Amino acid sequence: MAEFSFEIKEKLGTISASGKYSKELNIISYNGAEPKYDLRNWTTEEDGSKKMQKGLTLTKEEVLKLKELLATIN
């Protein structure tokens, strides 16, 4: 199995948080690749480290299209 790595390049913000759980939007590079926008749940462990949960990764073009679609919601 190939090694998995990620680096949070920029923390854009927390959408929601409850206890040790949070939903965050960040810019993340996976396995040294071009950074992408990443929306996912995180769990904060007792030692302060964070464990990633399921999420969604988007390119800048996809984020701009999503922004356009969200602007149509009343």
N, C-alpha and C. Protein backbone atom coordinates (compact mmCIF):
# COMPACT_ATOMS: atom_id res chain seq x y z
N MET A 1 0.83 -1.17 0.00
CA MET A 1 0.00 0.00 0.00
C MET A 1 0.88 1.25 0.00
N ALA A 2 0.57 2.20 -0.86
CA ALA A 2 1.36 3.43 -0.97
C ALA A 2 1.19 4.30 0.28
N GLU A 3 2.25 5.02 0.62
CA GLU A 3 2.21 5.92 1.77
C GLU A 3 1.32 7.12 1.46
N PHE A 4 0.53 7.53 2.43
CA PHE A 4 -0.38 8.67 2.28
C PHE A 4 0.13 9.81 3.14
N SER A 5 0.20 11.01 2.54
CA SER A 5 0.60 12.18 3.30
C SER A 5 -0.24 13.37 2.88
N PHE A 6 -0.37 14.32 3.79
CA PHE A 6 -1.07 15.56 3.47
C PHE A 6 -0.45 16.70 4.26
N GLU A 7 -0.58 17.89 3.70
CA GLU A 7 -0.09 19.10 4.37
C GLU A 7 -1.14 20.18 4.21
N ILE A 8 -1.61 20.71 5.34
CA ILE A 8 -2.55 21.82 5.29
C ILE A 8 -1.76 23.08 4.96
N LYS A 9 -2.01 23.63 3.79
CA LYS A 9 -1.29 24.82 3.32
C LYS A 9 -1.90 26.09 3.88
N GLU A 10 -3.24 26.09 4.01
CA GLU A 10 -3.93 27.27 4.53
C GLU A 10 -5.25 26.85 5.16
N LYS A 11 -5.50 27.33 6.37
CA LYS A 11 -6.78 27.09 7.04
C LYS A 11 -7.70 28.25 6.71
N LEU A 12 -8.76 27.97 5.97
CA LEU A 12 -9.67 29.03 5.54
C LEU A 12 -10.76 29.31 6.56
N GLY A 13 -11.20 28.29 7.30
CA GLY A 13 -12.21 28.54 8.32
C GLY A 13 -12.94 27.29 8.76
N THR A 14 -13.63 27.43 9.88
CA THR A 14 -14.45 26.36 10.44
C THR A 14 -15.91 26.68 10.15
N ILE A 15 -16.61 25.73 9.56
CA ILE A 15 -18.02 25.91 9.21
C ILE A 15 -18.91 25.60 10.41
N SER A 16 -18.56 24.54 11.14
CA SER A 16 -19.30 24.21 12.36
C SER A 16 -18.39 23.42 13.28
N ALA A 17 -18.73 23.44 14.57
CA ALA A 17 -17.95 22.70 15.55
C ALA A 17 -18.85 22.30 16.71
N SER A 18 -18.60 21.11 17.22
CA SER A 18 -19.35 20.60 18.37
C SER A 18 -18.45 19.62 19.11
N GLY A 19 -18.06 19.99 20.31
CA GLY A 19 -17.16 19.12 21.07
C GLY A 19 -15.85 18.92 20.36
N LYS A 20 -15.50 17.66 20.14
CA LYS A 20 -14.22 17.37 19.48
C LYS A 20 -14.35 17.27 17.96
N TYR A 21 -15.53 17.56 17.42
CA TYR A 21 -15.77 17.47 15.98
C TYR A 21 -15.86 18.85 15.34
N SER A 22 -15.30 18.98 14.15
CA SER A 22 -15.41 20.24 13.41
C SER A 22 -15.48 19.96 11.92
N LYS A 23 -16.12 20.86 11.20
CA LYS A 23 -16.17 20.80 9.73
C LYS A 23 -15.41 22.02 9.25
N GLU A 24 -14.33 21.79 8.48
CA GLU A 24 -13.43 22.87 8.11
C GLU A 24 -13.20 22.94 6.61
N LEU A 25 -12.93 24.16 6.14
CA LEU A 25 -12.51 24.39 4.77
C LEU A 25 -11.05 24.79 4.81
N ASN A 26 -10.21 24.00 4.15
CA ASN A 26 -8.77 24.24 4.12
C ASN A 26 -8.26 24.07 2.70
N ILE A 27 -7.04 24.51 2.49
CA ILE A 27 -6.33 24.20 1.25
C ILE A 27 -5.26 23.18 1.63
N ILE A 28 -5.34 21.99 1.01
CA ILE A 28 -4.48 20.87 1.39
C ILE A 28 -3.78 20.28 0.17
N SER A 29 -2.52 19.92 0.37
CA SER A 29 -1.77 19.18 -0.64
C SER A 29 -1.71 17.73 -0.19
N TYR A 30 -2.15 16.82 -1.06
CA TYR A 30 -2.09 15.39 -0.78
C TYR A 30 -0.93 14.77 -1.55
N ASN A 31 -0.10 14.04 -0.83
CA ASN A 31 1.05 13.34 -1.43
C ASN A 31 1.91 14.26 -2.29
N GLY A 32 2.07 15.51 -1.86
CA GLY A 32 2.93 16.46 -2.56
C GLY A 32 2.34 17.04 -3.84
N ALA A 33 1.08 16.73 -4.13
CA ALA A 33 0.44 17.22 -5.36
C ALA A 33 0.00 18.68 -5.19
N GLU A 34 -0.48 19.26 -6.28
CA GLU A 34 -1.00 20.63 -6.28
C GLU A 34 -2.08 20.75 -5.20
N PRO A 35 -2.02 21.78 -4.36
CA PRO A 35 -3.03 21.95 -3.31
C PRO A 35 -4.43 22.14 -3.88
N LYS A 36 -5.41 21.64 -3.14
CA LYS A 36 -6.82 21.75 -3.52
C LYS A 36 -7.62 22.23 -2.32
N TYR A 37 -8.82 22.72 -2.61
CA TYR A 37 -9.74 23.10 -1.55
C TYR A 37 -10.31 21.82 -0.95
N ASP A 38 -10.42 21.78 0.36
CA ASP A 38 -10.81 20.56 1.04
C ASP A 38 -11.83 20.89 2.12
N LEU A 39 -13.01 20.33 2.00
CA LEU A 39 -14.08 20.50 2.99
C LEU A 39 -14.32 19.14 3.63
N ARG A 40 -14.04 19.06 4.93
CA ARG A 40 -14.21 17.76 5.58
C ARG A 40 -14.39 17.91 7.08
N ASN A 41 -14.82 16.80 7.68
CA ASN A 41 -14.94 16.71 9.13
C ASN A 41 -13.60 16.31 9.71
N TRP A 42 -13.30 16.86 10.88
CA TRP A 42 -12.08 16.52 11.61
C TRP A 42 -12.47 16.18 13.04
N THR A 43 -11.72 15.26 13.65
CA THR A 43 -11.89 14.91 15.05
C THR A 43 -10.61 15.31 15.78
N THR A 44 -10.75 16.05 16.86
CA THR A 44 -9.59 16.42 17.66
C THR A 44 -9.39 15.35 18.72
N GLU A 45 -8.22 14.74 18.71
CA GLU A 45 -7.90 13.67 19.65
C GLU A 45 -7.49 14.26 21.01
N GLU A 46 -7.42 13.42 22.04
CA GLU A 46 -7.07 13.88 23.38
C GLU A 46 -5.70 14.53 23.45
N ASP A 47 -4.77 14.11 22.58
CA ASP A 47 -3.42 14.69 22.59
C ASP A 47 -3.34 15.99 21.77
N GLY A 48 -4.49 16.45 21.24
CA GLY A 48 -4.52 17.69 20.47
C GLY A 48 -4.34 17.50 18.97
N SER A 49 -3.98 16.29 18.55
CA SER A 49 -3.83 16.05 17.12
C SER A 49 -5.21 15.94 16.46
N LYS A 50 -5.22 16.11 15.14
CA LYS A 50 -6.48 16.05 14.41
C LYS A 50 -6.48 14.84 13.50
N LYS A 51 -7.63 14.18 13.41
CA LYS A 51 -7.80 13.02 12.54
C LYS A 51 -8.84 13.38 11.49
N MET A 52 -8.48 13.20 10.22
CA MET A 52 -9.42 13.55 9.15
C MET A 52 -10.48 12.48 9.00
N GLN A 53 -11.67 12.93 8.67
CA GLN A 53 -12.81 12.07 8.40
C GLN A 53 -13.17 12.21 6.92
N LYS A 54 -14.33 11.71 6.53
CA LYS A 54 -14.75 11.82 5.13
C LYS A 54 -14.92 13.28 4.74
N GLY A 55 -14.64 13.57 3.48
CA GLY A 55 -14.75 14.94 3.03
C GLY A 55 -14.84 15.04 1.53
N LEU A 56 -14.67 16.26 1.06
CA LEU A 56 -14.80 16.59 -0.35
C LEU A 56 -13.61 17.47 -0.74
N THR A 57 -12.95 17.11 -1.84
CA THR A 57 -11.82 17.87 -2.34
C THR A 57 -12.19 18.46 -3.69
N LEU A 58 -11.93 19.77 -3.86
CA LEU A 58 -12.32 20.49 -5.07
C LEU A 58 -11.16 21.30 -5.63
N THR A 59 -11.12 21.40 -6.96
CA THR A 59 -10.16 22.30 -7.60
C THR A 59 -10.68 23.74 -7.46
N LYS A 60 -9.85 24.71 -7.80
CA LYS A 60 -10.28 26.10 -7.73
C LYS A 60 -11.46 26.34 -8.68
N GLU A 61 -11.42 25.75 -9.86
CA GLU A 61 -12.51 25.91 -10.83
C GLU A 61 -13.82 25.35 -10.27
N GLU A 62 -13.74 24.22 -9.60
CA GLU A 62 -14.94 23.62 -9.00
C GLU A 62 -15.48 24.49 -7.87
N VAL A 63 -14.59 25.08 -7.06
CA VAL A 63 -15.02 25.97 -5.98
C VAL A 63 -15.72 27.20 -6.56
N LEU A 64 -15.18 27.75 -7.64
CA LEU A 64 -15.81 28.92 -8.25
C LEU A 64 -17.19 28.58 -8.80
N LYS A 65 -17.35 27.40 -9.38
CA LYS A 65 -18.66 26.96 -9.87
C LYS A 65 -19.62 26.74 -8.70
N LEU A 66 -19.14 26.15 -7.61
CA LEU A 66 -19.96 25.96 -6.42
C LEU A 66 -20.40 27.29 -5.85
N LYS A 67 -19.49 28.25 -5.81
CA LYS A 67 -19.82 29.60 -5.34
C LYS A 67 -20.94 30.20 -6.18
N GLU A 68 -20.86 30.02 -7.48
CA GLU A 68 -21.89 30.52 -8.40
C GLU A 68 -23.25 29.85 -8.10
N LEU A 69 -23.23 28.54 -7.90
CA LEU A 69 -24.46 27.80 -7.60
C LEU A 69 -25.06 28.21 -6.25
N LEU A 70 -24.19 28.38 -5.24
CA LEU A 70 -24.67 28.78 -3.91
C LEU A 70 -25.29 30.17 -3.93
N ALA A 71 -24.83 31.04 -4.81
CA ALA A 71 -25.36 32.39 -4.90
C ALA A 71 -26.82 32.39 -5.37
N THR A 72 -27.27 31.30 -5.97
CA THR A 72 -28.66 31.22 -6.45
C THR A 72 -29.63 30.78 -5.36
N ILE A 73 -29.12 30.36 -4.20
CA ILE A 73 -29.99 29.92 -3.11
C ILE A 73 -30.56 31.12 -2.39
N ASN A 74 -31.87 31.10 -2.19
CA ASN A 74 -32.55 32.22 -1.47
C ASN A 74 -32.55 31.97 0.00
